[in-house]
Amino acid sequence: MSINSIEPATFLFEDDGSIPNNTKLPLIFYAGVFDDLTPELIEEAFHASEWGNSWRASVFPFPHYHAEAHEELGCFIGSATIRLGGAKGI
């Protein structure tokens, strides 16, 4: 499946008092775009989008945000339940 063939879901979140969120740039969620890829191809896709510093690990189990950076996350195997946008997010 190609990222060009998937319509992403987008979400905007207000500042919730602990996570400031960006009210102008949305969270962009592409479900299933990496279904047929290897970890190496996922990393290549990130690098092609000029997203560097890839690592293979789990996500933090606590709320956090990046004040001056964006984050891209790909799940190769298994599943994850992640809250995005702070306590009032999704």
PDB file of N, CA and C in Angstrom:
ATOM      1  N   MET A   1       0.843  -1.176   0.000  1.00  0.00           N
ATOM      2  CA  MET A   1       0.000   0.000   0.000  1.00  0.00           C
ATOM      3  C   MET A   1       0.886   1.237   0.000  1.00  0.00           C
ATOM      4  N   SER A   2       0.528   2.207  -0.765  1.00  0.00           N
ATOM      5  CA  SER A   2       1.312   3.433  -0.879  1.00  0.00           C
ATOM      6  C   SER A   2       0.676   4.552  -0.072  1.00  0.00           C
ATOM      7  N   ILE A   3       1.515   5.405   0.477  1.00  0.00           N
ATOM      8  CA  ILE A   3       0.998   6.570   1.216  1.00  0.00           C
ATOM      9  C   ILE A   3       0.147   7.442   0.298  1.00  0.00           C
ATOM     10  N   ASN A   4       0.443   7.403  -1.018  1.00  0.00           N
ATOM     11  CA  ASN A   4      -0.329   8.196  -1.966  1.00  0.00           C
ATOM     12  C   ASN A   4      -1.733   7.643  -2.187  1.00  0.00           C
ATOM     13  N   SER A   5      -1.977   6.381  -1.829  1.00  0.00           N
ATOM     14  CA  SER A   5      -3.289   5.776  -2.040  1.00  0.00           C
ATOM     15  C   SER A   5      -4.166   5.810  -0.788  1.00  0.00           C
ATOM     16  N   ILE A   6      -3.674   6.407   0.282  1.00  0.00           N
ATOM     17  CA  ILE A   6      -4.424   6.451   1.540  1.00  0.00           C
ATOM     18  C   ILE A   6      -4.747   7.893   1.897  1.00  0.00           C
ATOM     19  N   GLU A   7      -6.003   8.122   2.223  1.00  0.00           N
ATOM     20  CA  GLU A   7      -6.423   9.440   2.704  1.00  0.00           C
ATOM     21  C   GLU A   7      -6.195   9.475   4.216  1.00  0.00           C
ATOM     22  N   PRO A   8      -5.358  10.372   4.705  1.00  0.00           N
ATOM     23  CA  PRO A   8      -5.092  10.388   6.147  1.00  0.00           C
ATOM     24  C   PRO A   8      -6.239  10.997   6.938  1.00  0.00           C
ATOM     25  N   ALA A   9      -6.352  10.573   8.182  1.00  0.00           N
ATOM     26  CA  ALA A   9      -7.244  11.242   9.131  1.00  0.00           C
ATOM     27  C   ALA A   9      -6.422  12.361   9.766  1.00  0.00           C
ATOM     28  N   THR A  10      -7.042  13.506  10.001  1.00  0.00           N
ATOM     29  CA  THR A  10      -6.334  14.621  10.633  1.00  0.00           C
ATOM     30  C   THR A  10      -7.092  15.060  11.886  1.00  0.00           C
ATOM     31  N   PHE A  11      -6.321  15.510  12.876  1.00  0.00           N
ATOM     32  CA  PHE A  11      -6.896  15.916  14.157  1.00  0.00           C
ATOM     33  C   PHE A  11      -6.177  17.165  14.647  1.00  0.00           C
ATOM     34  N   LEU A  12      -6.933  18.134  15.149  1.00  0.00           N
ATOM     35  CA  LEU A  12      -6.372  19.308  15.819  1.00  0.00           C
ATOM     36  C   LEU A  12      -6.760  19.239  17.289  1.00  0.00           C
ATOM     37  N   PHE A  13      -5.824  19.589  18.152  1.00  0.00           N
ATOM     38  CA  PHE A  13      -6.070  19.539  19.583  1.00  0.00           C
ATOM     39  C   PHE A  13      -5.788  20.906  20.197  1.00  0.00           C
ATOM     40  N   GLU A  14      -6.644  21.303  21.115  1.00  0.00           N
ATOM     41  CA  GLU A  14      -6.430  22.533  21.874  1.00  0.00           C
ATOM     42  C   GLU A  14      -5.407  22.264  22.982  1.00  0.00           C
ATOM     43  N   ASP A  15      -4.825  23.319  23.499  1.00  0.00           N
ATOM     44  CA  ASP A  15      -3.979  23.246  24.692  1.00  0.00           C
ATOM     45  C   ASP A  15      -4.848  22.693  25.818  1.00  0.00           C
ATOM     46  N   ASP A  16      -4.412  21.609  26.450  1.00  0.00           N
ATOM     47  CA  ASP A  16      -5.229  21.016  27.514  1.00  0.00           C
ATOM     48  C   ASP A  16      -4.727  21.369  28.911  1.00  0.00           C
ATOM     49  N   GLY A  17      -3.811  22.304  29.012  1.00  0.00           N
ATOM     50  CA  GLY A  17      -3.291  22.727  30.304  1.00  0.00           C
ATOM     51  C   GLY A  17      -1.980  22.055  30.682  1.00  0.00           C
ATOM     52  N   SER A  18      -1.731  20.864  30.148  1.00  0.00           N
ATOM     53  CA  SER A  18      -0.451  20.201  30.410  1.00  0.00           C
ATOM     54  C   SER A  18       0.292  19.876  29.116  1.00  0.00           C
ATOM     55  N   ILE A  19      -0.436  19.643  28.043  1.00  0.00           N
ATOM     56  CA  ILE A  19       0.151  19.426  26.717  1.00  0.00           C
ATOM     57  C   ILE A  19      -0.307  20.599  25.860  1.00  0.00           C
ATOM     58  N   PRO A  20       0.614  21.469  25.403  1.00  0.00           N
ATOM     59  CA  PRO A  20       0.186  22.680  24.712  1.00  0.00           C
ATOM     60  C   PRO A  20      -0.442  22.438  23.341  1.00  0.00           C
ATOM     61  N   ASN A  21      -0.046  21.392  22.632  1.00  0.00           N
ATOM     62  CA  ASN A  21      -0.557  21.078  21.302  1.00  0.00           C
ATOM     63  C   ASN A  21      -0.400  22.249  20.335  1.00  0.00           C
ATOM     64  N   ASN A  22      -0.511  21.956  19.083  1.00  0.00           N
ATOM     65  CA  ASN A  22      -0.416  22.964  18.037  1.00  0.00           C
ATOM     66  C   ASN A  22      -1.795  23.081  17.410  1.00  0.00           C
ATOM     67  N   THR A  23      -2.404  24.255  17.504  1.00  0.00           N
ATOM     68  CA  THR A  23      -3.764  24.434  17.013  1.00  0.00           C
ATOM     69  C   THR A  23      -3.815  24.744  15.518  1.00  0.00           C
ATOM     70  N   LYS A  24      -2.645  24.840  14.870  1.00  0.00           N
ATOM     71  CA  LYS A  24      -2.604  25.139  13.441  1.00  0.00           C
ATOM     72  C   LYS A  24      -2.139  23.946  12.593  1.00  0.00           C
ATOM     73  N   LEU A  25      -1.237  23.131  13.147  1.00  0.00           N
ATOM     74  CA  LEU A  25      -0.737  21.966  12.418  1.00  0.00           C
ATOM     75  C   LEU A  25      -1.380  20.705  12.987  1.00  0.00           C
ATOM     76  N   PRO A  26      -2.066  19.935  12.146  1.00  0.00           N
ATOM     77  CA  PRO A  26      -2.787  18.781  12.672  1.00  0.00           C
ATOM     78  C   PRO A  26      -1.903  17.552  12.873  1.00  0.00           C
ATOM     79  N   LEU A  27      -2.384  16.654  13.713  1.00  0.00           N
ATOM     80  CA  LEU A  27      -1.879  15.294  13.752  1.00  0.00           C
ATOM     81  C   LEU A  27      -2.370  14.663  12.454  1.00  0.00           C
ATOM     82  N   ILE A  28      -1.492  13.996  11.745  1.00  0.00           N
ATOM     83  CA  ILE A  28      -1.857  13.313  10.502  1.00  0.00           C
ATOM     84  C   ILE A  28      -1.666  11.827  10.728  1.00  0.00           C
ATOM     85  N   PHE A  29      -2.727  11.043  10.535  1.00  0.00           N
ATOM     86  CA  PHE A  29      -2.700   9.614  10.824  1.00  0.00           C
ATOM     87  C   PHE A  29      -3.009   8.817   9.567  1.00  0.00           C
ATOM     88  N   TYR A  30      -2.034   8.024   9.134  1.00  0.00           N
ATOM     89  CA  TYR A  30      -2.198   7.132   7.984  1.00  0.00           C
ATOM     90  C   TYR A  30      -2.341   5.704   8.503  1.00  0.00           C
ATOM     91  N   ALA A  31      -3.529   5.164   8.528  1.00  0.00           N
ATOM     92  CA  ALA A  31      -3.740   3.787   8.984  1.00  0.00           C
ATOM     93  C   ALA A  31      -3.395   2.816   7.858  1.00  0.00           C
ATOM     94  N   GLY A  32      -2.579   1.822   8.177  1.00  0.00           N
ATOM     95  CA  GLY A  32      -2.288   0.756   7.238  1.00  0.00           C
ATOM     96  C   GLY A  32      -1.247   1.027   6.180  1.00  0.00           C
ATOM     97  N   VAL A  33      -0.629   2.195   6.188  1.00  0.00           N
ATOM     98  CA  VAL A  33       0.304   2.536   5.113  1.00  0.00           C
ATOM     99  C   VAL A  33       1.552   1.657   5.121  1.00  0.00           C
ATOM    100  N   PHE A  34       1.918   1.104   6.264  1.00  0.00           N
ATOM    101  CA  PHE A  34       3.118   0.266   6.346  1.00  0.00           C
ATOM    102  C   PHE A  34       2.783  -1.227   6.449  1.00  0.00           C
ATOM    103  N   ASP A  35       1.595  -1.620   6.132  1.00  0.00           N
ATOM    104  CA  ASP A  35       1.178  -3.011   6.313  1.00  0.00           C
ATOM    105  C   ASP A  35       2.082  -4.023   5.612  1.00  0.00           C
ATOM    106  N   ASP A  36       2.613  -3.695   4.444  1.00  0.00           N
ATOM    107  CA  ASP A  36       3.393  -4.651   3.663  1.00  0.00           C
ATOM    108  C   ASP A  36       4.884  -4.344   3.641  1.00  0.00           C
ATOM    109  N   LEU A  37       5.383  -3.568   4.594  1.00  0.00           N
ATOM    110  CA  LEU A  37       6.784  -3.153   4.560  1.00  0.00           C
ATOM    111  C   LEU A  37       7.598  -3.786   5.670  1.00  0.00           C
ATOM    112  N   THR A  38       8.898  -3.863   5.437  1.00  0.00           N
ATOM    113  CA  THR A  38       9.836  -4.325   6.458  1.00  0.00           C
ATOM    114  C   THR A  38      10.259  -3.125   7.300  1.00  0.00           C
ATOM    115  N   PRO A  39      10.866  -3.347   8.462  1.00  0.00           N
ATOM    116  CA  PRO A  39      11.368  -2.211   9.250  1.00  0.00           C
ATOM    117  C   PRO A  39      12.330  -1.343   8.439  1.00  0.00           C
ATOM    118  N   GLU A  40      13.171  -1.973   7.616  1.00  0.00           N
ATOM    119  CA  GLU A  40      14.138  -1.198   6.818  1.00  0.00           C
ATOM    120  C   GLU A  40      13.427  -0.286   5.822  1.00  0.00           C
ATOM    121  N   LEU A  41      12.352  -0.778   5.193  1.00  0.00           N
ATOM    122  CA  LEU A  41      11.614   0.050   4.236  1.00  0.00           C
ATOM    123  C   LEU A  41      10.845   1.170   4.924  1.00  0.00           C
ATOM    124  N   ILE A  42      10.380   0.907   6.135  1.00  0.00           N
ATOM    125  CA  ILE A  42       9.722   1.973   6.910  1.00  0.00           C
ATOM    126  C   ILE A  42      10.727   3.084   7.207  1.00  0.00           C
ATOM    127  N   GLU A  43      11.921   2.697   7.669  1.00  0.00           N
ATOM    128  CA  GLU A  43      12.961   3.687   7.946  1.00  0.00           C
ATOM    129  C   GLU A  43      13.357   4.439   6.679  1.00  0.00           C
ATOM    130  N   GLU A  44      13.442   3.743   5.544  1.00  0.00           N
ATOM    131  CA  GLU A  44      13.744   4.412   4.278  1.00  0.00           C
ATOM    132  C   GLU A  44      12.664   5.438   3.938  1.00  0.00           C
ATOM    133  N   ALA A  45      11.396   5.088   4.179  1.00  0.00           N
ATOM    134  CA  ALA A  45      10.305   6.029   3.921  1.00  0.00           C
ATOM    135  C   ALA A  45      10.435   7.259   4.813  1.00  0.00           C
ATOM    136  N   PHE A  46      10.790   7.065   6.083  1.00  0.00           N
ATOM    137  CA  PHE A  46      10.985   8.192   6.986  1.00  0.00           C
ATOM    138  C   PHE A  46      12.134   9.076   6.497  1.00  0.00           C
ATOM    139  N   HIS A  47      13.243   8.461   6.119  1.00  0.00           N
ATOM    140  CA  HIS A  47      14.398   9.227   5.650  1.00  0.00           C
ATOM    141  C   HIS A  47      14.085   9.967   4.347  1.00  0.00           C
ATOM    142  N   ALA A  48      13.308   9.344   3.470  1.00  0.00           N
ATOM    143  CA  ALA A  48      12.927   9.998   2.213  1.00  0.00           C
ATOM    144  C   ALA A  48      12.080  11.245   2.481  1.00  0.00           C
ATOM    145  N   SER A  49      11.386  11.251   3.604  1.00  0.00           N
ATOM    146  CA  SER A  49      10.588  12.421   4.002  1.00  0.00           C
ATOM    147  C   SER A  49      11.395  13.391   4.844  1.00  0.00           C
ATOM    148  N   GLU A  50      12.720  13.152   4.904  1.00  0.00           N
ATOM    149  CA  GLU A  50      13.654  13.961   5.678  1.00  0.00           C
ATOM    150  C   GLU A  50      13.385  13.862   7.177  1.00  0.00           C
ATOM    151  N   TRP A  51      12.929  12.680   7.629  1.00  0.00           N
ATOM    152  CA  TRP A  51      12.771  12.380   9.049  1.00  0.00           C
ATOM    153  C   TRP A  51      13.928  11.482   9.410  1.00  0.00           C
ATOM    154  N   GLY A  52      14.850  11.976  10.193  1.00  0.00           N
ATOM    155  CA  GLY A  52      16.024  11.206  10.558  1.00  0.00           C
ATOM    156  C   GLY A  52      15.983  10.725  11.987  1.00  0.00           C
ATOM    157  N   ASN A  53      17.126  10.291  12.472  1.00  0.00           N
ATOM    158  CA  ASN A  53      17.294   9.840  13.854  1.00  0.00           C
ATOM    159  C   ASN A  53      16.321   8.732  14.244  1.00  0.00           C
ATOM    160  N   SER A  54      16.118   7.783  13.336  1.00  0.00           N
ATOM    161  CA  SER A  54      15.205   6.675  13.616  1.00  0.00           C
ATOM    162  C   SER A  54      15.769   5.762  14.696  1.00  0.00           C
ATOM    163  N   TRP A  55      14.884   5.199  15.475  1.00  0.00           N
ATOM    164  CA  TRP A  55      15.287   4.176  16.434  1.00  0.00           C
ATOM    165  C   TRP A  55      14.171   3.139  16.473  1.00  0.00           C
ATOM    166  N   ARG A  56      14.522   1.981  16.909  1.00  0.00           N
ATOM    167  CA  ARG A  56      13.543   0.914  17.068  1.00  0.00           C
ATOM    168  C   ARG A  56      13.379   0.681  18.559  1.00  0.00           C
ATOM    169  N   ALA A  57      12.248   1.059  19.067  1.00  0.00           N
ATOM    170  CA  ALA A  57      12.005   0.930  20.501  1.00  0.00           C
ATOM    171  C   ALA A  57      10.512   1.055  20.744  1.00  0.00           C
ATOM    172  N   SER A  58      10.148   1.088  21.985  1.00  0.00           N
ATOM    173  CA  SER A  58       8.750   1.292  22.345  1.00  0.00           C
ATOM    174  C   SER A  58       8.492   2.781  22.544  1.00  0.00           C
ATOM    175  N   VAL A  59       7.249   3.114  22.745  1.00  0.00           N
ATOM    176  CA  VAL A  59       6.894   4.501  23.026  1.00  0.00           C
ATOM    177  C   VAL A  59       6.941   4.727  24.526  1.00  0.00           C
ATOM    178  N   PHE A  60       7.078   5.969  24.927  1.00  0.00           N
ATOM    179  CA  PHE A  60       7.099   6.285  26.354  1.00  0.00           C
ATOM    180  C   PHE A  60       5.744   5.970  26.984  1.00  0.00           C
ATOM    181  N   PRO A  61       5.717   5.448  28.205  1.00  0.00           N
ATOM    182  CA  PRO A  61       4.451   5.120  28.870  1.00  0.00           C
ATOM    183  C   PRO A  61       3.859   6.303  29.635  1.00  0.00           C
ATOM    184  N   PHE A  62       4.341   7.504  29.365  1.00  0.00           N
ATOM    185  CA  PHE A  62       3.862   8.682  30.080  1.00  0.00           C
ATOM    186  C   PHE A  62       3.640   9.819  29.081  1.00  0.00           C
ATOM    187  N   PRO A  63       2.760  10.773  29.401  1.00  0.00           N
ATOM    188  CA  PRO A  63       2.511  11.890  28.485  1.00  0.00           C
ATOM    189  C   PRO A  63       3.772  12.732  28.298  1.00  0.00           C
ATOM    190  N   HIS A  64       4.007  13.132  27.062  1.00  0.00           N
ATOM    191  CA  HIS A  64       5.118  14.039  26.763  1.00  0.00           C
ATOM    192  C   HIS A  64       4.825  14.734  25.449  1.00  0.00           C
ATOM    193  N   TYR A  65       5.569  15.784  25.169  1.00  0.00           N
ATOM    194  CA  TYR A  65       5.431  16.470  23.887  1.00  0.00           C
ATOM    195  C   TYR A  65       6.783  17.021  23.490  1.00  0.00           C
ATOM    196  N   HIS A  66       6.869  17.415  22.234  1.00  0.00           N
ATOM    197  CA  HIS A  66       8.098  17.987  21.697  1.00  0.00           C
ATOM    198  C   HIS A  66       7.810  19.443  21.330  1.00  0.00           C
ATOM    199  N   ALA A  67       8.406  20.367  22.045  1.00  0.00           N
ATOM    200  CA  ALA A  67       8.131  21.785  21.848  1.00  0.00           C
ATOM    201  C   ALA A  67       8.679  22.313  20.526  1.00  0.00           C
ATOM    202  N   GLU A  68       9.749  21.722  20.032  1.00  0.00           N
ATOM    203  CA  GLU A  68      10.375  22.250  18.816  1.00  0.00           C
ATOM    204  C   GLU A  68      10.666  21.169  17.788  1.00  0.00           C
ATOM    205  N   ALA A  69       9.894  20.116  17.794  1.00  0.00           N
ATOM    206  CA  ALA A  69      10.121  19.030  16.844  1.00  0.00           C
ATOM    207  C   ALA A  69       8.805  18.317  16.557  1.00  0.00           C
ATOM    208  N   HIS A  70       8.807  17.585  15.467  1.00  0.00           N
ATOM    209  CA  HIS A  70       7.675  16.733  15.122  1.00  0.00           C
ATOM    210  C   HIS A  70       8.114  15.290  15.292  1.00  0.00           C
ATOM    211  N   GLU A  71       7.172  14.404  15.435  1.00  0.00           N
ATOM    212  CA  GLU A  71       7.499  12.998  15.625  1.00  0.00           C
ATOM    213  C   GLU A  71       6.724  12.172  14.610  1.00  0.00           C
ATOM    214  N   GLU A  72       7.388  11.179  14.068  1.00  0.00           N
ATOM    215  CA  GLU A  72       6.783  10.245  13.128  1.00  0.00           C
ATOM    216  C   GLU A  72       6.912   8.860  13.734  1.00  0.00           C
ATOM    217  N   LEU A  73       5.850   8.088  13.738  1.00  0.00           N
ATOM    218  CA  LEU A  73       5.854   6.780  14.377  1.00  0.00           C
ATOM    219  C   LEU A  73       5.322   5.750  13.397  1.00  0.00           C
ATOM    220  N   GLY A  74       6.040   4.654  13.255  1.00  0.00           N
ATOM    221  CA  GLY A  74       5.585   3.532  12.437  1.00  0.00           C
ATOM    222  C   GLY A  74       5.567   2.280  13.277  1.00  0.00           C
ATOM    223  N   CYS A  75       4.554   1.473  13.104  1.00  0.00           N
ATOM    224  CA  CYS A  75       4.454   0.211  13.838  1.00  0.00           C
ATOM    225  C   CYS A  75       4.639  -0.917  12.832  1.00  0.00           C
ATOM    226  N   PHE A  76       5.708  -1.711  13.021  1.00  0.00           N
ATOM    227  CA  PHE A  76       6.009  -2.783  12.082  1.00  0.00           C
ATOM    228  C   PHE A  76       5.278  -4.077  12.407  1.00  0.00           C
ATOM    229  N   ILE A  77       5.255  -4.446  13.655  1.00  0.00           N
ATOM    230  CA  ILE A  77       4.627  -5.708  14.033  1.00  0.00           C
ATOM    231  C   ILE A  77       3.889  -5.505  15.345  1.00  0.00           C
ATOM    232  N   GLY A  78       2.762  -6.156  15.477  1.00  0.00           N
ATOM    233  CA  GLY A  78       1.990  -6.015  16.696  1.00  0.00           C
ATOM    234  C   GLY A  78       1.057  -4.825  16.614  1.00  0.00           C
ATOM    235  N   SER A  79       0.800  -4.247  17.751  1.00  0.00           N
ATOM    236  CA  SER A  79      -0.103  -3.099  17.801  1.00  0.00           C
ATOM    237  C   SER A  79       0.298  -2.209  18.968  1.00  0.00           C
ATOM    238  N   ALA A  80      -0.278  -1.040  18.992  1.00  0.00           N
ATOM    239  CA  ALA A  80      -0.015  -0.101  20.073  1.00  0.00           C
ATOM    240  C   ALA A  80      -1.294   0.681  20.362  1.00  0.00           C
ATOM    241  N   THR A  81      -1.498   0.992  21.611  1.00  0.00           N
ATOM    242  CA  THR A  81      -2.572   1.892  22.004  1.00  0.00           C
ATOM    243  C   THR A  81      -1.890   3.138  22.548  1.00  0.00           C
ATOM    244  N   ILE A  82      -2.111   4.244  21.872  1.00  0.00           N
ATOM    245  CA  ILE A  82      -1.401   5.481  22.209  1.00  0.00           C
ATOM    246  C   ILE A  82      -2.412   6.622  22.304  1.00  0.00           C
ATOM    247  N   ARG A  83      -2.319   7.425  23.352  1.00  0.00           N
ATOM    248  CA  ARG A  83      -3.159   8.615  23.457  1.00  0.00           C
ATOM    249  C   ARG A  83      -2.387   9.773  22.840  1.00  0.00           C
ATOM    250  N   LEU A  84      -3.006  10.458  21.912  1.00  0.00           N
ATOM    251  CA  LEU A  84      -2.393  11.598  21.241  1.00  0.00           C
ATOM    252  C   LEU A  84      -3.182  12.854  21.569  1.00  0.00           C
ATOM    253  N   GLY A  85      -2.486  13.955  21.830  1.00  0.00           N
ATOM    254  CA  GLY A  85      -3.134  15.211  22.116  1.00  0.00           C
ATOM    255  C   GLY A  85      -3.358  15.503  23.581  1.00  0.00           C
ATOM    256  N   GLY A  86      -2.771  14.713  24.474  1.00  0.00           N
ATOM    257  CA  GLY A  86      -2.914  14.948  25.905  1.00  0.00           C
ATOM    258  C   GLY A  86      -4.135  14.237  26.476  1.00  0.00           C
ATOM    259  N   ALA A  87      -4.453  14.539  27.726  1.00  0.00           N
ATOM    260  CA  ALA A  87      -5.529  13.858  28.445  1.00  0.00           C
ATOM    261  C   ALA A  87      -6.876  13.992  27.761  1.00  0.00           C
ATOM    262  N   LYS A  88      -7.091  15.086  27.038  1.00  0.00           N
ATOM    263  CA  LYS A  88      -8.361  15.310  26.338  1.00  0.00           C
ATOM    264  C   LYS A  88      -8.256  14.928  24.865  1.00  0.00           C
ATOM    265  N   GLY A  89      -7.181  14.264  24.494  1.00  0.00           N
ATOM    266  CA  GLY A  89      -6.958  13.879  23.107  1.00  0.00           C
ATOM    267  C   GLY A  89      -7.727  12.631  22.716  1.00  0.00           C
ATOM    268  N   ILE A  90      -7.159  11.927  21.762  1.00  0.00           N
ATOM    269  CA  ILE A  90      -7.799  10.693  21.274  1.00  0.00           C
ATOM    270  C   ILE A  90      -6.894   9.496  21.534  1.00  0.00           C
TER     271      ILE A  90
END
